[in-house]
C-alpha atoms as a PDB file:
ATOM      1  CA  MET A   1      18.434  -9.041 -13.590  1.00  0.00           C
ATOM      2  CA  SER A   2      16.179 -11.627 -15.184  1.00  0.00           C
ATOM      3  CA  SER A   3      13.475 -10.857 -17.733  1.00  0.00           C
ATOM      4  CA  ARG A   4      14.205  -7.132 -17.610  1.00  0.00           C
ATOM      5  CA  PRO A   5      12.533  -4.846 -20.169  1.00  0.00           C
ATOM      6  CA  GLU A   6      14.624  -3.882 -23.192  1.00  0.00           C
ATOM      7  CA  TYR A   7      14.712  -0.185 -22.233  1.00  0.00           C
ATOM      8  CA  LEU A   8      15.937  -1.028 -18.722  1.00  0.00           C
ATOM      9  CA  SER A   9      18.656  -3.278 -20.172  1.00  0.00           C
ATOM     10  CA  SER A  10      19.760  -0.410 -22.413  1.00  0.00           C
ATOM     11  CA  LEU A  11      20.033   1.940 -19.416  1.00  0.00           C
ATOM     12  CA  ASP A  12      21.999  -0.712 -17.534  1.00  0.00           C
ATOM     13  CA  SER A  13      24.478  -1.021 -20.425  1.00  0.00           C
ATOM     14  CA  GLU A  14      24.908   2.764 -20.613  1.00  0.00           C
ATOM     15  CA  LEU A  15      25.508   2.963 -16.869  1.00  0.00           C
ATOM     16  CA  GLN A  16      28.065   0.144 -16.977  1.00  0.00           C
ATOM     17  CA  PHE A  17      29.964   2.047 -19.681  1.00  0.00           C
ATOM     18  CA  VAL A  18      29.919   5.313 -17.694  1.00  0.00           C
ATOM     19  CA  LEU A  19      31.097   3.497 -14.555  1.00  0.00           C
ATOM     20  CA  SER A  20      33.980   1.934 -16.471  1.00  0.00           C
ATOM     21  CA  GLU A  21      34.960   5.420 -17.662  1.00  0.00           C
ATOM     22  CA  LEU A  22      34.790   6.761 -14.110  1.00  0.00           C
ATOM     23  CA  ARG A  23      36.994   3.973 -12.777  1.00  0.00           C
ATOM     24  CA  GLU A  24      39.735   5.056 -15.184  1.00  0.00           C
ATOM     25  CA  GLN A  25      39.629   8.705 -14.073  1.00  0.00           C
ATOM     26  CA  THR A  26      42.290  10.143 -11.785  1.00  0.00           C
ATOM     27  CA  THR A  27      40.420  13.363 -10.966  1.00  0.00           C
ATOM     28  CA  VAL A  28      36.794  14.214 -10.286  1.00  0.00           C
ATOM     29  CA  SER A  29      34.735  14.264 -13.491  1.00  0.00           C
ATOM     30  CA  ASP A  30      31.533  16.109 -12.624  1.00  0.00           C
ATOM     31  CA  ASP A  31      30.001  15.446 -16.044  1.00  0.00           C
ATOM     32  CA  LEU A  32      30.480  11.674 -15.859  1.00  0.00           C
ATOM     33  CA  ILE A  33      29.299  11.521 -12.242  1.00  0.00           C
ATOM     34  CA  GLU A  34      26.190  13.549 -13.041  1.00  0.00           C
ATOM     35  CA  GLU A  35      25.512  11.366 -16.091  1.00  0.00           C
ATOM     36  CA  ALA A  36      25.775   8.247 -13.906  1.00  0.00           C
ATOM     37  CA  TYR A  37      23.303   9.654 -11.362  1.00  0.00           C
ATOM     38  CA  GLN A  38      20.891  10.647 -14.143  1.00  0.00           C
ATOM     39  CA  LEU A  39      21.013   7.143 -15.611  1.00  0.00           C
ATOM     40  CA  VAL A  40      20.226   5.706 -12.174  1.00  0.00           C
ATOM     41  CA  GLU A  41      17.222   8.031 -11.801  1.00  0.00           C
ATOM     42  CA  ARG A  42      15.975   7.011 -15.257  1.00  0.00           C
ATOM     43  CA  MET A  43      16.279   3.392 -14.157  1.00  0.00           C
ATOM     44  CA  VAL A  44      14.222   4.216 -11.039  1.00  0.00           C
ATOM     45  CA  ILE A  45      11.465   5.719 -13.192  1.00  0.00           C
ATOM     46  CA  SER A  46      11.486   2.664 -15.477  1.00  0.00           C
ATOM     47  CA  VAL A  47      11.334   0.251 -12.522  1.00  0.00           C
ATOM     48  CA  ASN A  48       8.415   2.185 -10.994  1.00  0.00           C
ATOM     49  CA  ALA A  49       6.431   1.414 -14.143  1.00  0.00           C
ATOM     50  CA  LEU A  50       6.847  -2.346 -13.604  1.00  0.00           C
ATOM     51  CA  PRO A  51       4.382  -4.532 -11.648  1.00  0.00           C
ATOM     52  CA  THR A  52       4.993  -4.550  -7.893  1.00  0.00           C
ATOM     53  CA  ASP A  53       6.229  -8.146  -7.743  1.00  0.00           C
ATOM     54  CA  GLU A  54       8.962  -7.428 -10.329  1.00  0.00           C
ATOM     55  CA  ARG A  55      10.532  -4.395  -8.639  1.00  0.00           C
ATOM     56  CA  ALA A  56      12.446  -5.831  -5.665  1.00  0.00           C
ATOM     57  CA  GLN A  57      15.424  -7.265  -7.569  1.00  0.00           C
ATOM     58  CA  HIS A  58      15.685  -4.192  -9.814  1.00  0.00           C
ATOM     59  CA  ASN A  59      15.614  -1.857  -6.789  1.00  0.00           C
ATOM     60  CA  ALA A  60      18.407  -3.843  -5.135  1.00  0.00           C
ATOM     61  CA  THR A  61      20.567  -3.415  -8.250  1.00  0.00           C
ATOM     62  CA  ILE A  62      19.807   0.316  -8.338  1.00  0.00           C
ATOM     63  CA  ARG A  63      20.887   0.691  -4.694  1.00  0.00           C
ATOM     64  CA  SER A  64      24.107  -1.144  -5.549  1.00  0.00           C
ATOM     65  CA  TYR A  65      24.767   1.239  -8.443  1.00  0.00           C
ATOM     66  CA  ARG A  66      24.174   4.279  -6.221  1.00  0.00           C
ATOM     67  CA  SER A  67      26.628   2.978  -3.632  1.00  0.00           C
ATOM     68  CA  GLU A  68      29.233   2.304  -6.308  1.00  0.00           C
ATOM     69  CA  ILE A  69      28.885   5.799  -7.774  1.00  0.00           C
ATOM     70  CA  ASP A  70      29.192   7.376  -4.315  1.00  0.00           C
ATOM     71  CA  GLU A  71      32.308   5.311  -3.597  1.00  0.00           C
ATOM     72  CA  ILE A  72      33.928   6.207  -6.936  1.00  0.00           C
ATOM     73  CA  LYS A  73      33.122   9.871  -6.329  1.00  0.00           C
ATOM     74  CA  LYS A  74      34.770   9.833  -2.890  1.00  0.00           C
ATOM     75  CA  ASN A  75      37.853   8.033  -4.211  1.00  0.00           C
ATOM     76  CA  LEU A  76      38.242  10.480  -7.086  1.00  0.00           C
ATOM     77  CA  ALA A  77      37.874  13.439  -4.714  1.00  0.00           C
ATOM     78  CA  LEU A  78      40.602  11.959  -2.508  1.00  0.00           C
ATOM     79  CA  LYS A  79      42.903  11.367  -5.482  1.00  0.00           C
ATOM     80  CA  GLN A  80      42.341  14.896  -6.728  1.00  0.00           C
ATOM     81  CA  SER A  81      43.027  16.329  -3.278  1.00  0.00           C
ATOM     82  CA  GLN A  82      46.279  14.390  -3.046  1.00  0.00           C
ATOM     83  CA  ALA A  83      47.284  15.460  -6.545  1.00  0.00           C
ATOM     84  CA  ASP A  84      46.522  19.111  -5.742  1.00  0.00           C
ATOM     85  CA  GLN A  85      48.585  18.907  -2.578  1.00  0.00           C
ATOM     86  CA  THR A  86      51.520  17.379  -4.445  1.00  0.00           C
ATOM     87  CA  ALA A  87      51.322  20.063  -7.122  1.00  0.00           C
ATOM     88  CA  ARG A  88      51.259  22.863  -4.555  1.00  0.00           C
ATOM     89  CA  ASN A  89      54.192  21.391  -2.657  1.00  0.00           C
ATOM     90  CA  GLU A  90      56.173  21.219  -5.877  1.00  0.00           C
ATOM     91  CA  LEU A  91      55.214  24.773  -6.800  1.00  0.00           C
ATOM     92  CA  PHE A  92      55.895  26.365  -3.404  1.00  0.00           C
ATOM     93  CA  GLY A  93      59.172  25.246  -1.888  1.00  0.00           C
ATOM     94  CA  ASP A  94      59.233  26.917   1.515  1.00  0.00           C
ATOM     95  CA  ARG A  95      57.103  26.091   4.525  1.00  0.00           C
ATOM     96  CA  ASP A  96      55.260  29.436   4.609  1.00  0.00           C
ATOM     97  CA  TYR A  97      53.833  28.847   1.195  1.00  0.00           C
ATOM     98  CA  ALA A  98      53.143  25.252   2.066  1.00  0.00           C
ATOM     99  CA  ASP A  99      51.268  26.297   5.225  1.00  0.00           C
ATOM    100  CA  ALA A 100      49.234  28.861   3.314  1.00  0.00           C
ATOM    101  CA  GLY A 101      48.472  26.287   0.646  1.00  0.00           C
ATOM    102  CA  SER A 102      47.477  23.793   3.324  1.00  0.00           C
ATOM    103  CA  GLU A 103      45.014  26.262   4.839  1.00  0.00           C
ATOM    104  CA  GLN A 104      43.558  27.046   1.435  1.00  0.00           C
ATOM    105  CA  ARG A 105      43.360  23.374   0.631  1.00  0.00           C
ATOM    106  CA  SER A 106      41.575  22.659   3.916  1.00  0.00           C
ATOM    107  CA  ALA A 107      39.100  25.452   3.247  1.00  0.00           C
ATOM    108  CA  LEU A 108      38.478  24.185  -0.283  1.00  0.00           C
ATOM    109  CA  LEU A 109      38.074  20.640   0.955  1.00  0.00           C
ATOM    110  CA  ASN A 110      35.608  21.762   3.628  1.00  0.00           C
ATOM    111  CA  ASN A 111      33.590  23.669   1.048  1.00  0.00           C
ATOM    112  CA  GLN A 112      33.675  20.725  -1.310  1.00  0.00           C
ATOM    113  CA  GLN A 113      32.575  18.356   1.432  1.00  0.00           C
ATOM    114  CA  ARG A 114      29.688  20.645   2.356  1.00  0.00           C
ATOM    115  CA  LEU A 115      28.620  20.780  -1.276  1.00  0.00           C
ATOM    116  CA  GLU A 116      28.858  17.002  -1.536  1.00  0.00           C
ATOM    117  CA  ARG A 117      26.779  16.545   1.612  1.00  0.00           C
ATOM    118  CA  SER A 118      24.158  18.927   0.247  1.00  0.00           C
ATOM    119  CA  SER A 119      24.125  17.050  -3.056  1.00  0.00           C
ATOM    120  CA  ASP A 120      23.846  13.744  -1.219  1.00  0.00           C
ATOM    121  CA  ARG A 121      20.910  15.042   0.819  1.00  0.00           C
ATOM    122  CA  LEU A 122      19.174  16.215  -2.346  1.00  0.00           C
ATOM    123  CA  ARG A 123      19.729  12.844  -3.991  1.00  0.00           C
ATOM    124  CA  ASP A 124      18.481  11.060  -0.878  1.00  0.00           C
ATOM    125  CA  ALA A 125      15.371  13.238  -0.882  1.00  0.00           C
ATOM    126  CA  GLN A 126      14.835  12.481  -4.563  1.00  0.00           C
ATOM    127  CA  ARG A 127      15.377   8.770  -3.941  1.00  0.00           C
ATOM    128  CA  VAL A 128      12.892   8.785  -1.046  1.00  0.00           C
ATOM    129  CA  GLY A 129      10.413  10.620  -3.253  1.00  0.00           C
ATOM    130  CA  ASN A 130      10.835   8.050  -6.020  1.00  0.00           C
ATOM    131  CA  GLU A 131      10.502   5.161  -3.578  1.00  0.00           C
ATOM    132  CA  THR A 132       7.401   6.767  -2.047  1.00  0.00           C
ATOM    133  CA  GLU A 133       5.950   7.203  -5.512  1.00  0.00           C
ATOM    134  CA  SER A 134       6.742   3.557  -6.255  1.00  0.00           C
ATOM    135  CA  ILE A 135       5.039   2.406  -3.040  1.00  0.00           C
ATOM    136  CA  GLY A 136       2.025   4.619  -3.754  1.00  0.00           C
ATOM    137  CA  ALA A 137       1.739   3.239  -7.286  1.00  0.00           C
ATOM    138  CA  GLY A 138       1.895  -0.299  -5.900  1.00  0.00           C
ATOM    139  CA  ILE A 139      -0.826   0.446  -3.357  1.00  0.00           C
ATOM    140  CA  LEU A 140      -3.032   1.970  -6.056  1.00  0.00           C
ATOM    141  CA  ASN A 141      -2.548  -1.099  -8.242  1.00  0.00           C
ATOM    142  CA  ASP A 142      -3.450  -3.372  -5.319  1.00  0.00           C
ATOM    143  CA  LEU A 143      -6.538  -1.303  -4.504  1.00  0.00           C
ATOM    144  CA  ARG A 144      -7.567  -1.361  -8.151  1.00  0.00           C
ATOM    145  CA  GLY A 145      -7.270  -5.152  -8.182  1.00  0.00           C
ATOM    146  CA  GLN A 146      -9.280  -5.464  -4.965  1.00  0.00           C
ATOM    147  CA  ARG A 147     -11.953  -3.158  -6.377  1.00  0.00           C
ATOM    148  CA  GLU A 148     -12.255  -5.339  -9.467  1.00  0.00           C
ATOM    149  CA  GLN A 149     -12.574  -8.431  -7.261  1.00  0.00           C
ATOM    150  CA  ILE A 150     -15.322  -6.762  -5.209  1.00  0.00           C
ATOM    151  CA  ILE A 151     -17.183  -5.745  -8.373  1.00  0.00           C
ATOM    152  CA  ASN A 152     -16.919  -9.286  -9.747  1.00  0.00           C
ATOM    153  CA  SER A 153     -18.157 -10.723  -6.433  1.00  0.00           C
ATOM    154  CA  ARG A 154     -21.076  -8.301  -6.395  1.00  0.00           C
ATOM    155  CA  ASN A 155     -22.003  -9.223  -9.972  1.00  0.00           C
ATOM    156  CA  THR A 156     -21.852 -12.909  -9.041  1.00  0.00           C
ATOM    157  CA  LEU A 157     -24.121 -12.307  -6.024  1.00  0.00           C
ATOM    158  CA  THR A 158     -26.567 -10.324  -8.159  1.00  0.00           C
ATOM    159  CA  GLU A 159     -26.689 -13.144 -10.698  1.00  0.00           C
ATOM    160  CA  ALA A 160     -27.198 -15.703  -7.915  1.00  0.00           C
ATOM    161  CA  ASP A 161     -30.049 -13.597  -6.474  1.00  0.00           C
ATOM    162  CA  GLY A 162     -31.666 -13.600  -9.908  1.00  0.00           C
ATOM    163  CA  HIS A 163     -31.465 -17.387 -10.105  1.00  0.00           C
ATOM    164  CA  VAL A 164     -32.953 -17.705  -6.605  1.00  0.00           C
ATOM    165  CA  ASP A 165     -35.836 -15.377  -7.495  1.00  0.00           C
ATOM    166  CA  ARG A 166     -36.611 -17.366 -10.647  1.00  0.00           C
ATOM    167  CA  SER A 167     -36.477 -20.624  -8.688  1.00  0.00           C
ATOM    168  CA  MET A 168     -38.852 -19.241  -6.042  1.00  0.00           C
ATOM    169  CA  ARG A 169     -41.302 -18.104  -8.719  1.00  0.00           C
ATOM    170  CA  THR A 170     -41.171 -21.553 -10.335  1.00  0.00           C
ATOM    171  CA  LEU A 171     -41.801 -23.270  -6.985  1.00  0.00           C
ATOM    172  CA  ARG A 172     -44.733 -20.977  -6.198  1.00  0.00           C
ATOM    173  CA  GLY A 173     -46.215 -21.706  -9.639  1.00  0.00           C
ATOM    174  CA  MET A 174     -45.838 -25.445  -9.085  1.00  0.00           C
ATOM    175  CA  ALA A 175     -47.488 -25.136  -5.645  1.00  0.00           C
ATOM    176  CA  ARG A 176     -50.437 -23.264  -7.149  1.00  0.00           C
ATOM    177  CA  ARG A 177     -50.837 -25.883  -9.874  1.00  0.00           C
ATOM    178  CA  MET A 178     -50.669 -28.686  -7.293  1.00  0.00           C
ATOM    179  CA  ALA A 179     -53.356 -26.965  -5.192  1.00  0.00           C
ATOM    180  CA  ALA A 180     -55.547 -26.517  -8.260  1.00  0.00           C
ATOM    181  CA  ASN A 181     -55.077 -30.165  -9.247  1.00  0.00           C
ATOM    182  CA  LYS A 182     -55.969 -31.257  -5.709  1.00  0.00           C
ATOM    183  CA  LEU A 183     -59.209 -29.227  -5.790  1.00  0.00           C
ATOM    184  CA  LEU A 184     -60.044 -30.678  -9.191  1.00  0.00           C
ATOM    185  CA  SER A 185     -59.467 -34.193  -7.845  1.00  0.00           C
ATOM    186  CA  TYR A 186     -61.783 -33.519  -4.899  1.00  0.00           C
ATOM    187  CA  ALA A 187     -64.454 -32.194  -7.232  1.00  0.00           C
ATOM    188  CA  ILE A 188     -64.242 -35.265  -9.496  1.00  0.00           C
ATOM    189  CA  ILE A 189     -64.469 -37.581  -6.480  1.00  0.00           C
ATOM    190  CA  ALA A 190     -67.504 -35.665  -5.189  1.00  0.00           C
ATOM    191  CA  VAL A 191     -69.229 -35.936  -8.590  1.00  0.00           C
ATOM    192  CA  LEU A 192     -68.524 -39.668  -8.750  1.00  0.00           C
ATOM    193  CA  VAL A 193     -69.914 -40.147  -5.248  1.00  0.00           C
ATOM    194  CA  LEU A 194     -73.042 -38.232  -6.177  1.00  0.00           C
ATOM    195  CA  LEU A 195     -73.483 -40.320  -9.346  1.00  0.00           C
ATOM    196  CA  ILE A 196     -73.121 -43.548  -7.368  1.00  0.00           C
ATOM    197  CA  LEU A 197     -75.655 -42.361  -4.822  1.00  0.00           C
ATOM    198  CA  PHE A 198     -78.011 -41.349  -7.612  1.00  0.00           C
ATOM    199  CA  VAL A 199     -77.719 -44.771  -9.275  1.00  0.00           C
ATOM    200  CA  LEU A 200     -78.321 -46.590  -6.004  1.00  0.00           C
ATOM    201  CA  ALA A 201     -81.304 -44.423  -5.186  1.00  0.00           C
ATOM    202  CA  SER A 202     -82.841 -45.001  -8.601  1.00  0.00           C
ATOM    203  CA  LYS A 203     -82.667 -48.798  -8.138  1.00  0.00           C
ATOM    204  CA  PHE A 204     -84.670 -48.734  -4.904  1.00  0.00           C
ATOM    205  CA  MET A 205     -87.329 -46.363  -6.129  1.00  0.00           C
END
């Protein structure tokens, strides 16, 4: 995975080592299998902390690891079952013992399969919970971003309203000054007209 965080790379290296150990096993190793699942869950938690647009590739790798662990677990269980059957056949020579061993083996296998199915269901439930948490975190991040955009837009509108109000006040002031200047002009013209009339009247008197 590209540009992965250092902690996630460390978990990936640990998981690769555990998987290589599991591939070399000939019988079921519950400790190694459990360690592998725990490393995967730690990777899930780490990926959930990443931004939404960086999770898809990491989640695909995690699903691949889960599938590989499940496959190794099934193969080891099959190998162990075959080894147990061979050992019982070597230990008990006659058919009666072999039949009894076969029944016991079938019962043990059924119990083991039920336990594995229960474990798988629990892991699936945990995986769904983690994925739901991841989706919820992504939605919250998106909502937080949208909220910030709305707040910024509202601040911009408020600032624009302030500019409009100041412009309107300036225009009203200019209109008042223009009206006052017009009245003053009319008054000056009236005075001049009166002076002219007075001068003309004084000449004819």
